[in-house]
PDB file of N, CA and C in Angstrom:
ATOM      1  N   MET A   1      84.573  90.555 148.341  1.00  0.00           N
ATOM      2  CA  MET A   1      84.533  89.114 148.435  1.00  0.00           C
ATOM      3  C   MET A   1      83.127  88.738 148.854  1.00  0.00           C
ATOM      4  N   SER A   2      82.724  87.551 148.507  1.00  0.00           N
ATOM      5  CA  SER A   2      81.387  87.125 148.874  1.00  0.00           C
ATOM      6  C   SER A   2      81.242  87.112 150.391  1.00  0.00           C
ATOM      7  N   ASP A   3      80.003  87.060 150.844  1.00  0.00           N
ATOM      8  CA  ASP A   3      79.747  87.075 152.277  1.00  0.00           C
ATOM      9  C   ASP A   3      80.015  85.725 152.929  1.00  0.00           C
ATOM     10  N   GLU A   4      80.306  84.710 152.132  1.00  0.00           N
ATOM     11  CA  GLU A   4      80.576  83.393 152.684  1.00  0.00           C
ATOM     12  C   GLU A   4      81.932  83.400 153.384  1.00  0.00           C
ATOM     13  N   PRO A   5      82.000  82.875 154.606  1.00  0.00           N
ATOM     14  CA  PRO A   5      83.293  82.826 155.297  1.00  0.00           C
ATOM     15  C   PRO A   5      84.221  81.826 154.622  1.00  0.00           C
ATOM     16  N   ILE A   6      85.509  82.074 154.735  1.00  0.00           N
ATOM     17  CA  ILE A   6      86.494  81.142 154.222  1.00  0.00           C
ATOM     18  C   ILE A   6      86.603  80.008 155.225  1.00  0.00           C
ATOM     19  N   PRO A   7      86.418  78.753 154.778  1.00  0.00           N
ATOM     20  CA  PRO A   7      86.495  77.632 155.718  1.00  0.00           C
ATOM     21  C   PRO A   7      87.863  77.581 156.398  1.00  0.00           C
ATOM     22  N   SER A   8      87.850  77.286 157.660  1.00  0.00           N
ATOM     23  CA  SER A   8      89.092  77.216 158.419  1.00  0.00           C
ATOM     24  C   SER A   8      88.903  76.344 159.634  1.00  0.00           C
ATOM     25  N   THR A   9      89.981  75.719 160.035  1.00  0.00           N
ATOM     26  CA  THR A   9      89.956  75.054 161.324  1.00  0.00           C
ATOM     27  C   THR A   9      90.301  76.117 162.353  1.00  0.00           C
ATOM     28  N   GLU A  10      90.076  75.826 163.606  1.00  0.00           N
ATOM     29  CA  GLU A  10      90.432  76.792 164.633  1.00  0.00           C
ATOM     30  C   GLU A  10      91.938  76.970 164.674  1.00  0.00           C
ATOM     31  N   ALA A  11      92.347  78.161 165.022  1.00  0.00           N
ATOM     32  CA  ALA A  11      93.784  78.428 165.134  1.00  0.00           C
ATOM     33  C   ALA A  11      94.365  77.561 166.243  1.00  0.00           C
ATOM     34  N   ASP A  12      95.589  77.139 166.044  1.00  0.00           N
ATOM     35  CA  ASP A  12      96.226  76.386 167.109  1.00  0.00           C
ATOM     36  C   ASP A  12      97.382  77.207 167.666  1.00  0.00           C
ATOM     37  N   ALA A  13      97.978  76.706 168.720  1.00  0.00           N
ATOM     38  CA  ALA A  13      99.010  77.463 169.427  1.00  0.00           C
ATOM     39  C   ALA A  13     100.339  77.495 168.682  1.00  0.00           C
ATOM     40  N   THR A  14     100.467  76.724 167.603  1.00  0.00           N
ATOM     41  CA  THR A  14     101.756  76.651 166.936  1.00  0.00           C
ATOM     42  C   THR A  14     101.814  77.416 165.623  1.00  0.00           C
ATOM     43  N   GLY A  15     100.845  78.233 165.344  1.00  0.00           N
ATOM     44  CA  GLY A  15     100.882  78.991 164.098  1.00  0.00           C
ATOM     45  C   GLY A  15      99.888  80.116 164.097  1.00  0.00           C
ATOM     46  N   PRO A  16      99.945  80.938 163.059  1.00  0.00           N
ATOM     47  CA  PRO A  16      99.059  82.100 162.974  1.00  0.00           C
ATOM     48  C   PRO A  16      97.610  81.699 162.721  1.00  0.00           C
ATOM     49  N   ASP A  17      96.693  82.575 163.123  1.00  0.00           N
ATOM     50  CA  ASP A  17      95.291  82.296 162.870  1.00  0.00           C
ATOM     51  C   ASP A  17      94.926  82.744 161.453  1.00  0.00           C
ATOM     52  N   GLN A  18      93.695  82.456 161.065  1.00  0.00           N
ATOM     53  CA  GLN A  18      93.230  82.737 159.704  1.00  0.00           C
ATOM     54  C   GLN A  18      93.369  84.214 159.354  1.00  0.00           C
ATOM     55  N   GLU A  19      93.040  85.090 160.269  1.00  0.00           N
ATOM     56  CA  GLU A  19      93.099  86.527 159.987  1.00  0.00           C
ATOM     57  C   GLU A  19      94.525  86.976 159.655  1.00  0.00           C
ATOM     58  N   VAL A  20      95.497  86.462 160.398  1.00  0.00           N
ATOM     59  CA  VAL A  20      96.906  86.800 160.149  1.00  0.00           C
ATOM     60  C   VAL A  20      97.333  86.287 158.776  1.00  0.00           C
ATOM     61  N   ILE A  21      96.918  85.078 158.446  1.00  0.00           N
ATOM     62  CA  ILE A  21      97.285  84.490 157.156  1.00  0.00           C
ATOM     63  C   ILE A  21      96.659  85.291 156.012  1.00  0.00           C
ATOM     64  N   LEU A  22      95.381  85.621 156.135  1.00  0.00           N
ATOM     65  CA  LEU A  22      94.710  86.383 155.084  1.00  0.00           C
ATOM     66  C   LEU A  22      95.321  87.775 154.931  1.00  0.00           C
ATOM     67  N   THR A  23      95.676  88.408 156.044  1.00  0.00           N
ATOM     68  CA  THR A  23      96.320  89.715 155.975  1.00  0.00           C
ATOM     69  C   THR A  23      97.647  89.613 155.230  1.00  0.00           C
ATOM     70  N   ALA A  24      98.419  88.570 155.519  1.00  0.00           N
ATOM     71  CA  ALA A  24      99.694  88.367 154.830  1.00  0.00           C
ATOM     72  C   ALA A  24      99.468  88.136 153.333  1.00  0.00           C
ATOM     73  N   LEU A  25      98.443  87.371 152.985  1.00  0.00           N
ATOM     74  CA  LEU A  25      98.168  87.078 151.581  1.00  0.00           C
ATOM     75  C   LEU A  25      97.748  88.319 150.792  1.00  0.00           C
ATOM     76  N   LYS A  26      97.321  89.358 151.480  1.00  0.00           N
ATOM     77  CA  LYS A  26      96.965  90.598 150.775  1.00  0.00           C
ATOM     78  C   LYS A  26      98.186  91.259 150.136  1.00  0.00           C
ATOM     79  N   ALA A  27      99.379  90.814 150.512  1.00  0.00           N
ATOM     80  CA  ALA A  27     100.601  91.336 149.881  1.00  0.00           C
ATOM     81  C   ALA A  27     100.799  90.752 148.482  1.00  0.00           C
ATOM     82  N   VAL A  28     100.085  89.686 148.165  1.00  0.00           N
ATOM     83  CA  VAL A  28     100.210  89.045 146.854  1.00  0.00           C
ATOM     84  C   VAL A  28      99.151  89.634 145.927  1.00  0.00           C
ATOM     85  N   LYS A  29      99.630  90.234 144.854  1.00  0.00           N
ATOM     86  CA  LYS A  29      98.705  90.861 143.903  1.00  0.00           C
ATOM     87  C   LYS A  29      98.729  90.131 142.571  1.00  0.00           C
ATOM     88  N   ASP A  30      97.585  90.115 141.929  1.00  0.00           N
ATOM     89  CA  ASP A  30      97.527  89.634 140.561  1.00  0.00           C
ATOM     90  C   ASP A  30      98.221  90.697 139.717  1.00  0.00           C
ATOM     91  N   PRO A  31      99.355  90.372 139.090  1.00  0.00           N
ATOM     92  CA  PRO A  31     100.117  91.399 138.383  1.00  0.00           C
ATOM     93  C   PRO A  31      99.398  91.999 137.182  1.00  0.00           C
ATOM     94  N   GLU A  32      98.428  91.286 136.634  1.00  0.00           N
ATOM     95  CA  GLU A  32      97.691  91.812 135.487  1.00  0.00           C
ATOM     96  C   GLU A  32      96.593  92.784 135.909  1.00  0.00           C
ATOM     97  N   ILE A  33      96.044  92.578 137.104  1.00  0.00           N
ATOM     98  CA  ILE A  33      94.930  93.406 137.575  1.00  0.00           C
ATOM     99  C   ILE A  33      95.395  94.421 138.610  1.00  0.00           C
ATOM    100  N   GLY A  34      96.425  94.065 139.380  1.00  0.00           N
ATOM    101  CA  GLY A  34      96.959  94.968 140.392  1.00  0.00           C
ATOM    102  C   GLY A  34      96.193  94.971 141.699  1.00  0.00           C
ATOM    103  N   ILE A  35      95.377  93.948 141.917  1.00  0.00           N
ATOM    104  CA  ILE A  35      94.587  93.842 143.147  1.00  0.00           C
ATOM    105  C   ILE A  35      95.008  92.565 143.860  1.00  0.00           C
ATOM    106  N   ASN A  36      95.008  92.620 145.200  1.00  0.00           N
ATOM    107  CA  ASN A  36      95.474  91.457 145.956  1.00  0.00           C
ATOM    108  C   ASN A  36      94.517  90.271 145.821  1.00  0.00           C
ATOM    109  N   ILE A  37      95.086  89.087 146.026  1.00  0.00           N
ATOM    110  CA  ILE A  37      94.343  87.852 145.789  1.00  0.00           C
ATOM    111  C   ILE A  37      93.217  87.611 146.794  1.00  0.00           C
ATOM    112  N   VAL A  38      93.311  88.216 147.969  1.00  0.00           N
ATOM    113  CA  VAL A  38      92.236  88.067 148.961  1.00  0.00           C
ATOM    114  C   VAL A  38      91.023  88.890 148.516  1.00  0.00           C
ATOM    115  N   ASP A  39      91.245  90.159 148.168  1.00  0.00           N
ATOM    116  CA  ASP A  39      90.133  91.008 147.741  1.00  0.00           C
ATOM    117  C   ASP A  39      89.544  90.564 146.397  1.00  0.00           C
ATOM    118  N   LEU A  40      90.354  89.901 145.574  1.00  0.00           N
ATOM    119  CA  LEU A  40      89.819  89.352 144.325  1.00  0.00           C
ATOM    120  C   LEU A  40      88.921  88.143 144.581  1.00  0.00           C
ATOM    121  N   GLY A  41      89.000  87.577 145.772  1.00  0.00           N
ATOM    122  CA  GLY A  41      88.180  86.410 146.100  1.00  0.00           C
ATOM    123  C   GLY A  41      88.784  85.115 145.605  1.00  0.00           C
ATOM    124  N   LEU A  42      90.106  85.084 145.454  1.00  0.00           N
ATOM    125  CA  LEU A  42      90.767  83.884 144.947  1.00  0.00           C
ATOM    126  C   LEU A  42      91.050  82.847 146.033  1.00  0.00           C
ATOM    127  N   ILE A  43      90.962  83.247 147.298  1.00  0.00           N
ATOM    128  CA  ILE A  43      91.236  82.327 148.401  1.00  0.00           C
ATOM    129  C   ILE A  43      89.931  81.635 148.802  1.00  0.00           C
ATOM    130  N   TYR A  44      89.915  80.306 148.720  1.00  0.00           N
ATOM    131  CA  TYR A  44      88.716  79.536 149.041  1.00  0.00           C
ATOM    132  C   TYR A  44      88.750  78.926 150.431  1.00  0.00           C
ATOM    133  N   ALA A  45      89.921  78.523 150.901  1.00  0.00           N
ATOM    134  CA  ALA A  45      90.005  77.871 152.212  1.00  0.00           C
ATOM    135  C   ALA A  45      91.386  78.084 152.803  1.00  0.00           C
ATOM    136  N   VAL A  46      91.421  78.229 154.140  1.00  0.00           N
ATOM    137  CA  VAL A  46      92.680  78.355 154.879  1.00  0.00           C
ATOM    138  C   VAL A  46      92.581  77.449 156.099  1.00  0.00           C
ATOM    139  N   ARG A  47      93.574  76.579 156.259  1.00  0.00           N
ATOM    140  CA  ARG A  47      93.598  75.686 157.416  1.00  0.00           C
ATOM    141  C   ARG A  47      95.005  75.665 157.992  1.00  0.00           C
ATOM    142  N   ASN A  48      95.099  75.768 159.295  1.00  0.00           N
ATOM    143  CA  ASN A  48      96.386  75.693 159.977  1.00  0.00           C
ATOM    144  C   ASN A  48      96.396  74.405 160.787  1.00  0.00           C
ATOM    145  N   ARG A  49      97.341  73.530 160.464  1.00  0.00           N
ATOM    146  CA  ARG A  49      97.481  72.258 161.173  1.00  0.00           C
ATOM    147  C   ARG A  49      98.850  72.232 161.833  1.00  0.00           C
ATOM    148  N   GLU A  50      98.895  72.670 163.069  1.00  0.00           N
ATOM    149  CA  GLU A  50     100.129  72.640 163.854  1.00  0.00           C
ATOM    150  C   GLU A  50     101.292  73.297 163.112  1.00  0.00           C
ATOM    151  N   GLY A  51     101.035  74.470 162.549  1.00  0.00           N
ATOM    152  CA  GLY A  51     102.090  75.227 161.885  1.00  0.00           C
ATOM    153  C   GLY A  51     102.234  74.951 160.404  1.00  0.00           C
ATOM    154  N   GLU A  52     101.518  73.961 159.906  1.00  0.00           N
ATOM    155  CA  GLU A  52     101.505  73.699 158.469  1.00  0.00           C
ATOM    156  C   GLU A  52     100.208  74.274 157.929  1.00  0.00           C
ATOM    157  N   VAL A  53     100.314  75.223 157.005  1.00  0.00           N
ATOM    158  CA  VAL A  53      99.140  75.940 156.511  1.00  0.00           C
ATOM    159  C   VAL A  53      98.748  75.399 155.143  1.00  0.00           C
ATOM    160  N   ASP A  54      97.476  75.018 155.027  1.00  0.00           N
ATOM    161  CA  ASP A  54      96.906  74.572 153.756  1.00  0.00           C
ATOM    162  C   ASP A  54      96.004  75.677 153.226  1.00  0.00           C
ATOM    163  N   VAL A  55      96.204  76.038 151.978  1.00  0.00           N
ATOM    164  CA  VAL A  55      95.373  77.054 151.335  1.00  0.00           C
ATOM    165  C   VAL A  55      94.850  76.483 150.031  1.00  0.00           C
ATOM    166  N   GLU A  56      93.556  76.636 149.826  1.00  0.00           N
ATOM    167  CA  GLU A  56      92.961  76.319 148.537  1.00  0.00           C
ATOM    168  C   GLU A  56      92.610  77.643 147.886  1.00  0.00           C
ATOM    169  N   MET A  57      93.086  77.800 146.656  1.00  0.00           N
ATOM    170  CA  MET A  57      92.823  79.053 145.956  1.00  0.00           C
ATOM    171  C   MET A  57      92.591  78.769 144.479  1.00  0.00           C
ATOM    172  N   THR A  58      92.102  79.764 143.799  1.00  0.00           N
ATOM    173  CA  THR A  58      91.854  79.648 142.376  1.00  0.00           C
ATOM    174  C   THR A  58      92.503  80.821 141.667  1.00  0.00           C
ATOM    175  N   LEU A  59      92.296  80.890 140.385  1.00  0.00           N
ATOM    176  CA  LEU A  59      92.769  82.010 139.570  1.00  0.00           C
ATOM    177  C   LEU A  59      91.565  82.593 138.843  1.00  0.00           C
ATOM    178  N   THR A  60      91.710  83.780 138.313  1.00  0.00           N
ATOM    179  CA  THR A  60      90.577  84.404 137.615  1.00  0.00           C
ATOM    180  C   THR A  60      90.191  83.632 136.361  1.00  0.00           C
ATOM    181  N   THR A  61      91.173  82.961 135.736  1.00  0.00           N
ATOM    182  CA  THR A  61      90.901  82.085 134.599  1.00  0.00           C
ATOM    183  C   THR A  61      91.834  80.873 134.703  1.00  0.00           C
ATOM    184  N   PRO A  62      91.403  79.717 134.208  1.00  0.00           N
ATOM    185  CA  PRO A  62      92.266  78.535 134.282  1.00  0.00           C
ATOM    186  C   PRO A  62      93.613  78.718 133.571  1.00  0.00           C
ATOM    187  N   ALA A  63      93.645  79.523 132.529  1.00  0.00           N
ATOM    188  CA  ALA A  63      94.874  79.717 131.757  1.00  0.00           C
ATOM    189  C   ALA A  63      95.611  80.998 132.147  1.00  0.00           C
ATOM    190  N   CYS A  64      95.381  81.494 133.343  1.00  0.00           N
ATOM    191  CA  CYS A  64      96.010  82.742 133.789  1.00  0.00           C
ATOM    192  C   CYS A  64      97.534  82.630 133.660  1.00  0.00           C
ATOM    193  N   PRO A  65      98.157  83.484 132.842  1.00  0.00           N
ATOM    194  CA  PRO A  65      99.604  83.391 132.665  1.00  0.00           C
ATOM    195  C   PRO A  65     100.400  83.738 133.925  1.00  0.00           C
ATOM    196  N   ALA A  66      99.793  84.458 134.839  1.00  0.00           N
ATOM    197  CA  ALA A  66     100.473  84.824 136.086  1.00  0.00           C
ATOM    198  C   ALA A  66     100.282  83.778 137.177  1.00  0.00           C
ATOM    199  N   GLY A  67      99.575  82.707 136.885  1.00  0.00           N
ATOM    200  CA  GLY A  67      99.273  81.680 137.881  1.00  0.00           C
ATOM    201  C   GLY A  67     100.480  81.161 138.641  1.00  0.00           C
ATOM    202  N   PRO A  68     101.526  80.703 137.966  1.00  0.00           N
ATOM    203  CA  PRO A  68     102.683  80.187 138.696  1.00  0.00           C
ATOM    204  C   PRO A  68     103.319  81.229 139.627  1.00  0.00           C
ATOM    205  N   GLN A  69     103.387  82.465 139.177  1.00  0.00           N
ATOM    206  CA  GLN A  69     103.948  83.537 140.001  1.00  0.00           C
ATOM    207  C   GLN A  69     103.082  83.784 141.232  1.00  0.00           C
ATOM    208  N   ILE A  70     101.779  83.826 141.049  1.00  0.00           N
ATOM    209  CA  ILE A  70     100.860  84.071 142.163  1.00  0.00           C
ATOM    210  C   ILE A  70     100.961  82.945 143.197  1.00  0.00           C
ATOM    211  N   LEU A  71     100.977  81.698 142.743  1.00  0.00           N
ATOM    212  CA  LEU A  71     101.080  80.557 143.658  1.00  0.00           C
ATOM    213  C   LEU A  71     102.403  80.579 144.411  1.00  0.00           C
ATOM    214  N   ARG A  72     103.483  80.886 143.714  1.00  0.00           N
ATOM    215  CA  ARG A  72     104.806  80.944 144.356  1.00  0.00           C
ATOM    216  C   ARG A  72     104.841  82.046 145.420  1.00  0.00           C
ATOM    217  N   GLU A  73     104.327  83.231 145.071  1.00  0.00           N
ATOM    218  CA  GLU A  73     104.322  84.338 146.027  1.00  0.00           C
ATOM    219  C   GLU A  73     103.441  84.027 147.230  1.00  0.00           C
ATOM    220  N   ALA A  74     102.298  83.395 147.019  1.00  0.00           N
ATOM    221  CA  ALA A  74     101.417  83.035 148.135  1.00  0.00           C
ATOM    222  C   ALA A  74     102.138  82.081 149.084  1.00  0.00           C
ATOM    223  N   THR A  75     102.817  81.100 148.529  1.00  0.00           N
ATOM    224  CA  THR A  75     103.570  80.150 149.346  1.00  0.00           C
ATOM    225  C   THR A  75     104.652  80.868 150.144  1.00  0.00           C
ATOM    226  N   GLU A  76     105.412  81.742 149.486  1.00  0.00           N
ATOM    227  CA  GLU A  76     106.500  82.472 150.152  1.00  0.00           C
ATOM    228  C   GLU A  76     105.984  83.355 151.278  1.00  0.00           C
ATOM    229  N   VAL A  77     104.880  84.047 151.044  1.00  0.00           N
ATOM    230  CA  VAL A  77     104.318  84.951 152.064  1.00  0.00           C
ATOM    231  C   VAL A  77     103.875  84.158 153.291  1.00  0.00           C
ATOM    232  N   ILE A  78     103.197  83.045 153.066  1.00  0.00           N
ATOM    233  CA  ILE A  78     102.724  82.236 154.200  1.00  0.00           C
ATOM    234  C   ILE A  78     103.904  81.661 154.973  1.00  0.00           C
ATOM    235  N   GLU A  79     104.898  81.138 154.250  1.00  0.00           N
ATOM    236  CA  GLU A  79     106.042  80.524 154.924  1.00  0.00           C
ATOM    237  C   GLU A  79     106.914  81.542 155.652  1.00  0.00           C
ATOM    238  N   SER A  80     106.743  82.822 155.360  1.00  0.00           N
ATOM    239  CA  SER A  80     107.501  83.857 156.070  1.00  0.00           C
ATOM    240  C   SER A  80     106.877  84.202 157.424  1.00  0.00           C
ATOM    241  N   LEU A  81     105.666  83.714 157.681  1.00  0.00           N
ATOM    242  CA  LEU A  81     104.985  84.008 158.939  1.00  0.00           C
ATOM    243  C   LEU A  81     105.581  83.201 160.086  1.00  0.00           C
ATOM    244  N   GLN A  82     105.674  83.847 161.228  1.00  0.00           N
ATOM    245  CA  GLN A  82     106.172  83.176 162.421  1.00  0.00           C
ATOM    246  C   GLN A  82     105.252  82.015 162.776  1.00  0.00           C
ATOM    247  N   GLY A  83     105.834  80.872 163.070  1.00  0.00           N
ATOM    248  CA  GLY A  83     105.058  79.707 163.469  1.00  0.00           C
ATOM    249  C   GLY A  83     104.625  78.818 162.319  1.00  0.00           C
ATOM    250  N   VAL A  84     104.976  79.203 161.085  1.00  0.00           N
ATOM    251  CA  VAL A  84     104.609  78.384 159.925  1.00  0.00           C
ATOM    252  C   VAL A  84     105.832  77.587 159.481  1.00  0.00           C
ATOM    253  N   SER A  85     105.674  76.272 159.461  1.00  0.00           N
ATOM    254  CA  SER A  85     106.773  75.420 159.015  1.00  0.00           C
ATOM    255  C   SER A  85     106.684  75.130 157.520  1.00  0.00           C
ATOM    256  N   LYS A  86     105.454  75.103 156.995  1.00  0.00           N
ATOM    257  CA  LYS A  86     105.277  74.789 155.579  1.00  0.00           C
ATOM    258  C   LYS A  86     103.935  75.322 155.102  1.00  0.00           C
ATOM    259  N   ALA A  87     103.915  75.808 153.852  1.00  0.00           N
ATOM    260  CA  ALA A  87     102.671  76.231 153.217  1.00  0.00           C
ATOM    261  C   ALA A  87     102.371  75.293 152.062  1.00  0.00           C
ATOM    262  N   ASN A  88     101.166  74.782 152.051  1.00  0.00           N
ATOM    263  CA  ASN A  88     100.690  73.932 150.954  1.00  0.00           C
ATOM    264  C   ASN A  88      99.603  74.707 150.224  1.00  0.00           C
ATOM    265  N   VAL A  89      99.961  75.325 149.115  1.00  0.00           N
ATOM    266  CA  VAL A  89      99.000  76.114 148.354  1.00  0.00           C
ATOM    267  C   VAL A  89      98.517  75.259 147.193  1.00  0.00           C
ATOM    268  N   LYS A  90      97.229  74.955 147.232  1.00  0.00           N
ATOM    269  CA  LYS A  90      96.628  74.073 146.229  1.00  0.00           C
ATOM    270  C   LYS A  90      95.732  74.883 145.301  1.00  0.00           C
ATOM    271  N   LEU A  91      95.940  74.711 144.014  1.00  0.00           N
ATOM    272  CA  LEU A  91      95.123  75.379 143.016  1.00  0.00           C
ATOM    273  C   LEU A  91      93.886  74.535 142.738  1.00  0.00           C
ATOM    274  N   VAL A  92      92.720  75.133 142.874  1.00  0.00           N
ATOM    275  CA  VAL A  92      91.457  74.454 142.583  1.00  0.00           C
ATOM    276  C   VAL A  92      90.682  75.295 141.568  1.00  0.00           C
ATOM    277  N   MET A  93      89.905  74.644 140.772  1.00  0.00           N
ATOM    278  CA  MET A  93      89.110  75.364 139.765  1.00  0.00           C
ATOM    279  C   MET A  93      87.615  75.195 139.984  1.00  0.00           C
ATOM    280  N   SER A  94      87.257  74.596 141.120  1.00  0.00           N
ATOM    281  CA  SER A  94      85.853  74.403 141.418  1.00  0.00           C
ATOM    282  C   SER A  94      85.588  74.869 142.834  1.00  0.00           C
ATOM    283  N   PRO A  95      84.673  75.770 143.033  1.00  0.00           N
ATOM    284  CA  PRO A  95      83.856  76.388 141.999  1.00  0.00           C
ATOM    285  C   PRO A  95      84.679  77.391 141.198  1.00  0.00           C
ATOM    286  N   PRO A  96      84.284  77.641 139.959  1.00  0.00           N
ATOM    287  CA  PRO A  96      85.006  78.609 139.153  1.00  0.00           C
ATOM    288  C   PRO A  96      84.902  80.000 139.767  1.00  0.00           C
ATOM    289  N   TRP A  97      85.963  80.776 139.602  1.00  0.00           N
ATOM    290  CA  TRP A  97      85.960  82.143 140.102  1.00  0.00           C
ATOM    291  C   TRP A  97      84.993  82.987 139.283  1.00  0.00           C
ATOM    292  N   SER A  98      84.368  83.949 139.943  1.00  0.00           N
ATOM    293  CA  SER A  98      83.543  84.941 139.245  1.00  0.00           C
ATOM    294  C   SER A  98      83.724  86.280 139.958  1.00  0.00           C
ATOM    295  N   PRO A  99      83.441  87.369 139.273  1.00  0.00           N
ATOM    296  CA  PRO A  99      83.583  88.690 139.894  1.00  0.00           C
ATOM    297  C   PRO A  99      82.732  88.869 141.153  1.00  0.00           C
ATOM    298  N   ASP A 100      81.726  88.039 141.333  1.00  0.00           N
ATOM    299  CA  ASP A 100      80.889  88.118 142.532  1.00  0.00           C
ATOM    300  C   ASP A 100      81.684  87.850 143.808  1.00  0.00           C
ATOM    301  N   ARG A 101      82.826  87.199 143.690  1.00  0.00           N
ATOM    302  CA  ARG A 101      83.659  86.868 144.857  1.00  0.00           C
ATOM    303  C   ARG A 101      84.512  88.050 145.313  1.00  0.00           C
ATOM    304  N   MET A 102      84.611  89.091 144.512  1.00  0.00           N
ATOM    305  CA  MET A 102      85.478  90.230 144.849  1.00  0.00           C
ATOM    306  C   MET A 102      84.915  91.041 146.012  1.00  0.00           C
ATOM    307  N   SER A 103      85.834  91.622 146.788  1.00  0.00           N
ATOM    308  CA  SER A 103      85.424  92.501 147.874  1.00  0.00           C
ATOM    309  C   SER A 103      84.908  93.820 147.299  1.00  0.00           C
ATOM    310  N   GLU A 104      84.228  94.555 148.132  1.00  0.00           N
ATOM    311  CA  GLU A 104      83.733  95.872 147.716  1.00  0.00           C
ATOM    312  C   GLU A 104      84.896  96.789 147.334  1.00  0.00           C
ATOM    313  N   ASP A 105      86.003  96.707 148.087  1.00  0.00           N
ATOM    314  CA  ASP A 105      87.185  97.521 147.772  1.00  0.00           C
ATOM    315  C   ASP A 105      87.710  97.201 146.378  1.00  0.00           C
ATOM    316  N   ALA A 106      87.781  95.925 146.045  1.00  0.00           N
ATOM    317  CA  ALA A 106      88.272  95.527 144.720  1.00  0.00           C
ATOM    318  C   ALA A 106      87.335  96.027 143.630  1.00  0.00           C
ATOM    319  N   ARG A 107      86.045  95.914 143.858  1.00  0.00           N
ATOM    320  CA  ARG A 107      85.068  96.405 142.876  1.00  0.00           C
ATOM    321  C   ARG A 107      85.220  97.908 142.663  1.00  0.00           C
ATOM    322  N   ASP A 108      85.389  98.633 143.765  1.00  0.00           N
ATOM    323  CA  ASP A 108      85.584 100.090 143.657  1.00  0.00           C
ATOM    324  C   ASP A 108      86.833 100.422 142.868  1.00  0.00           C
ATOM    325  N   GLU A 109      87.905  99.700 143.150  1.00  0.00           N
ATOM    326  CA  GLU A 109      89.170  99.962 142.472  1.00  0.00           C
ATOM    327  C   GLU A 109      89.068  99.708 140.968  1.00  0.00           C
ATOM    328  N   LEU A 110      88.274  98.707 140.590  1.00  0.00           N
ATOM    329  CA  LEU A 110      88.100  98.392 139.183  1.00  0.00           C
ATOM    330  C   LEU A 110      86.942  99.148 138.540  1.00  0.00           C
ATOM    331  N   GLY A 111      86.253  99.960 139.330  1.00  0.00           N
ATOM    332  CA  GLY A 111      85.138 100.737 138.799  1.00  0.00           C
ATOM    333  C   GLY A 111      83.901  99.896 138.525  1.00  0.00           C
ATOM    334  N   MET A 112      83.744  98.808 139.262  1.00  0.00           N
ATOM    335  CA  MET A 112      82.567  97.939 139.120  1.00  0.00           C
ATOM    336  C   MET A 112      81.604  98.253 140.261  1.00  0.00           C
ATOM    337  N   PHE A 113      80.465  98.765 139.924  1.00  0.00           N
ATOM    338  CA  PHE A 113      79.529  99.173 140.978  1.00  0.00           C
ATOM    339  C   PHE A 113      78.335  98.271 141.068  1.00  0.00           C
TER     340      PHE A 113
END
């Protein structure tokens, strides 16, 4: 993933912090690529507002056929976390995703050096 931090508000006492949310989101994989959405660099922003989590994310392509499945799974994973009352997962296409956003682990797994 790029070196840019994911924007976040400070964690509050009524829900998980950004690290917990991102760790949970690693359970969601792009079924076509087999790599989790965090390491692919699809997560743009995470905000926790008193137990309601807002996530802005993208897809590798605007017409990704797995998009609805990925968004549904991301919502389910976040809402399964203790202290989360609701997950609002918003799909954004700006800035467009590029392989530069992938983590080093994802690049290694795909053989991109």
